[in-house]
Amino acid sequence: MISDNSAYGDRSPFSAGSDGRARLQIKPLQGDVVVLLHPHDNFIMTSRIIGMPGDRVRMTDGRLYLNGEIVPRTAQEPFQMLGEFDGQFPAYIETLPGGLTHGILEFSDDERGDNMEEVVVPQESYFLMGDNRDRSSDSRFDLGFVPEDYIIGKASLVLFNKTAWMRRRWIE
């Protein structure tokens, strides 16, 4: 994964606020895939911004709702997975408010993260979800709300991943 650390402004110590913490000069957008420092552990990860500050987010029977409205998804050809989870799994194109589309993978609509009470995203924080919805470490589980201080940059290029060996893919 390549991170565009300048996508949200200069995060060097020279952009620190009066309390010494780095500040985002340009706010991430809903649907951005961001590189972040895990707020509870010491590692870097990526995830997609689903909920913006003030948004209401919930999951019911595997379906995402934002601010009380179901987020549309369109079925695609099943995704063939190899290895530990060998088989074909449902794939969808999800359309976020504003029209941004992205692919998601679901093992089923009855997994541990597929039902979640509505939460309100705090100010200066984000709600993140992985595109592999049922096998993701995200805001539904251990990640929780992600303070903007933990966002390092916008992910811009995947160089390698387990399902697309030696294939590069630009992230929009």
Protein backbone atom coordinates (compact mmCIF):
# COMPACT_ATOMS: atom_id res chain seq x y z
CA MET A 1 0.00 0.00 0.00
CA ILE A 2 1.29 3.46 -0.85
CA SER A 3 0.08 6.39 1.22
CA ASP A 4 -0.24 9.92 -0.08
CA ASN A 5 0.68 11.63 3.19
CA SER A 6 0.20 15.06 1.64
CA ALA A 7 -3.43 14.38 0.57
CA TYR A 8 -4.78 15.86 3.80
CA GLY A 9 -2.11 18.55 4.28
CA ASP A 10 1.29 18.66 5.91
CA ARG A 11 1.35 16.32 8.91
CA SER A 12 4.89 17.28 9.93
CA PRO A 13 5.56 18.76 13.39
CA PHE A 14 5.41 22.18 11.73
CA SER A 15 1.64 21.84 11.23
CA ALA A 16 0.98 21.12 14.90
CA GLY A 17 -1.75 22.97 16.75
CA SER A 18 -1.25 24.87 19.99
CA ASP A 19 -1.49 21.60 21.95
CA GLY A 20 1.35 20.06 19.89
CA ARG A 21 -0.85 17.54 18.03
CA ALA A 22 -0.74 17.42 14.23
CA ARG A 23 -3.91 18.72 12.57
CA LEU A 24 -5.51 17.65 9.31
CA GLN A 25 -5.54 20.69 7.06
CA ILE A 26 -7.83 19.04 4.51
CA LYS A 27 -10.52 16.73 5.86
CA PRO A 28 -10.89 13.21 4.41
CA LEU A 29 -14.03 12.49 2.41
CA GLN A 30 -16.62 9.79 2.90
CA GLY A 31 -15.47 6.77 0.91
CA ASP A 32 -11.74 7.58 1.09
CA VAL A 33 -9.46 4.66 1.87
CA VAL A 34 -7.11 6.00 4.50
CA VAL A 35 -3.84 4.87 6.06
CA LEU A 36 -4.00 5.20 9.83
CA LEU A 37 -2.24 4.38 13.04
CA HIS A 38 -4.44 1.91 14.95
CA PRO A 39 -5.71 3.92 17.95
CA HIS A 40 -5.31 1.02 20.42
CA ASP A 41 -2.29 -0.87 19.07
CA ASN A 42 1.03 0.12 17.56
CA PHE A 43 0.57 -0.71 13.87
CA ILE A 44 -0.42 0.93 10.59
CA MET A 45 -3.54 -0.20 8.72
CA THR A 46 -5.93 0.89 5.99
CA SER A 47 -9.70 1.14 5.96
CA ARG A 48 -12.52 3.02 4.20
CA ILE A 49 -14.25 6.04 5.77
CA ILE A 50 -17.95 5.22 5.99
CA GLY A 51 -19.22 7.60 8.70
CA MET A 52 -18.29 11.26 8.95
CA PRO A 53 -18.47 13.35 12.14
CA GLY A 54 -22.14 13.60 13.20
CA ASP A 55 -23.33 10.73 10.97
CA ARG A 56 -25.56 7.99 12.36
CA VAL A 57 -24.32 4.50 11.37
CA ARG A 58 -25.94 1.09 11.89
CA MET A 59 -25.93 -2.40 10.39
CA THR A 60 -29.07 -4.53 10.13
CA ASP A 61 -28.97 -8.01 8.59
CA GLY A 62 -25.74 -7.17 6.76
CA ARG A 63 -27.03 -3.92 5.31
CA LEU A 64 -25.40 -0.57 6.02
CA TYR A 65 -27.57 2.39 7.03
CA LEU A 66 -26.30 5.98 7.12
CA ASN A 67 -28.43 8.65 8.78
CA GLY A 68 -31.47 6.36 8.70
CA GLU A 69 -31.21 5.51 4.98
CA ILE A 70 -30.14 2.14 3.61
CA VAL A 71 -26.97 2.35 1.50
CA PRO A 72 -27.77 0.81 -1.90
CA ARG A 73 -25.77 -2.18 -3.07
CA THR A 74 -25.90 -4.03 -6.39
CA ALA A 75 -25.04 -7.73 -6.65
CA GLN A 76 -22.01 -8.66 -8.76
CA GLU A 77 -20.53 -11.97 -9.88
CA PRO A 78 -19.51 -14.05 -6.85
CA PHE A 79 -15.92 -13.54 -5.74
CA GLN A 80 -13.69 -16.62 -5.92
CA MET A 81 -11.48 -16.80 -2.85
CA LEU A 82 -8.58 -19.21 -2.43
CA GLY A 83 -6.79 -20.41 0.67
CA GLU A 84 -8.26 -20.40 4.17
CA PHE A 85 -11.75 -19.32 3.00
CA ASP A 86 -11.79 -21.29 -0.28
CA GLY A 87 -15.02 -20.81 -2.22
CA GLN A 88 -17.27 -18.28 -3.91
CA PHE A 89 -18.73 -15.43 -1.91
CA PRO A 90 -21.28 -12.71 -2.63
CA ALA A 91 -19.82 -9.46 -3.97
CA TYR A 92 -21.60 -6.12 -4.31
CA ILE A 93 -21.08 -2.58 -5.52
CA GLU A 94 -22.10 -0.22 -2.72
CA THR A 95 -23.08 3.40 -3.42
CA LEU A 96 -22.38 5.89 -0.64
CA PRO A 97 -24.23 9.21 -0.35
CA GLY A 98 -22.82 11.54 -2.97
CA GLY A 99 -22.56 8.70 -5.52
CA LEU A 100 -19.14 7.20 -4.72
CA THR A 101 -19.15 3.48 -5.49
CA HIS A 102 -16.84 0.74 -4.25
CA GLY A 103 -16.85 -3.05 -4.12
CA ILE A 104 -17.59 -5.03 -0.97
CA LEU A 105 -17.36 -8.72 -0.19
CA GLU A 106 -19.78 -10.49 2.15
CA PHE A 107 -19.47 -14.05 3.42
CA SER A 108 -23.14 -13.75 4.42
CA ASP A 109 -25.53 -11.21 5.92
CA ASP A 110 -25.53 -13.07 9.23
CA GLU A 111 -21.96 -12.68 10.53
CA ARG A 112 -20.85 -11.11 13.82
CA GLY A 113 -20.66 -7.54 12.44
CA ASP A 114 -23.85 -7.67 10.39
CA ASN A 115 -26.09 -6.36 13.18
CA MET A 116 -25.05 -3.28 15.11
CA GLU A 117 -27.09 -0.71 16.99
CA GLU A 118 -27.04 2.82 15.62
CA VAL A 119 -24.08 4.94 16.74
CA VAL A 120 -23.34 8.63 16.21
CA VAL A 121 -19.84 9.47 15.01
CA PRO A 122 -18.22 12.00 17.39
CA GLN A 123 -16.82 15.28 16.14
CA GLU A 124 -13.23 15.06 14.84
CA SER A 125 -13.64 11.27 14.46
CA TYR A 126 -14.58 8.81 11.71
CA PHE A 127 -16.32 5.43 11.41
CA LEU A 128 -14.29 3.05 9.24
CA MET A 129 -15.26 -0.25 7.62
CA GLY A 130 -13.28 -2.69 5.52
CA ASP A 131 -14.47 -3.68 2.06
CA ASN A 132 -14.21 -7.35 3.11
CA ARG A 133 -17.09 -6.75 5.50
CA ASP A 134 -17.09 -10.02 7.39
CA ARG A 135 -13.31 -10.36 7.81
CA SER A 136 -12.31 -6.82 8.71
CA SER A 137 -10.89 -5.10 11.75
CA ASP A 138 -12.89 -1.89 11.73
CA SER A 139 -15.03 0.53 13.75
CA ARG A 140 -17.68 -2.14 14.42
CA PHE A 141 -15.18 -4.13 16.46
CA ASP A 142 -11.86 -3.32 18.13
CA LEU A 143 -11.07 -0.15 16.16
CA GLY A 144 -13.95 1.99 17.43
CA PHE A 145 -14.27 5.59 16.31
CA VAL A 146 -11.01 6.84 14.78
CA PRO A 147 -9.90 10.31 15.88
CA GLU A 148 -8.65 12.37 12.95
CA ASP A 149 -5.24 12.64 14.66
CA TYR A 150 -4.64 8.96 13.81
CA ILE A 151 -5.15 9.37 10.05
CA ILE A 152 -1.79 9.48 8.32
CA GLY A 153 -2.82 9.90 4.68
CA LYS A 154 -4.98 8.72 1.83
CA ALA A 155 -4.21 5.30 0.35
CA SER A 156 -3.43 5.73 -3.32
CA LEU A 157 -2.03 2.47 -4.70
CA VAL A 158 -2.15 -1.21 -3.76
CA LEU A 159 1.14 -2.87 -4.76
CA PHE A 160 0.38 -6.30 -3.34
CA ASN A 161 -2.45 -8.09 -1.64
CA LYS A 162 -3.32 -11.74 -0.98
CA THR A 163 -6.07 -11.93 -3.58
CA ALA A 164 -4.32 -10.14 -6.43
CA TRP A 165 -0.71 -11.26 -6.36
CA MET A 166 1.59 -9.00 -8.41
CA ARG A 167 -1.27 -6.82 -9.60
CA ARG A 168 -1.34 -3.10 -9.01
CA ARG A 169 -4.61 -1.31 -8.49
CA TRP A 170 -5.21 2.42 -8.11
CA ILE A 171 -7.60 3.41 -5.37
CA GLU A 172 -9.92 6.26 -6.24
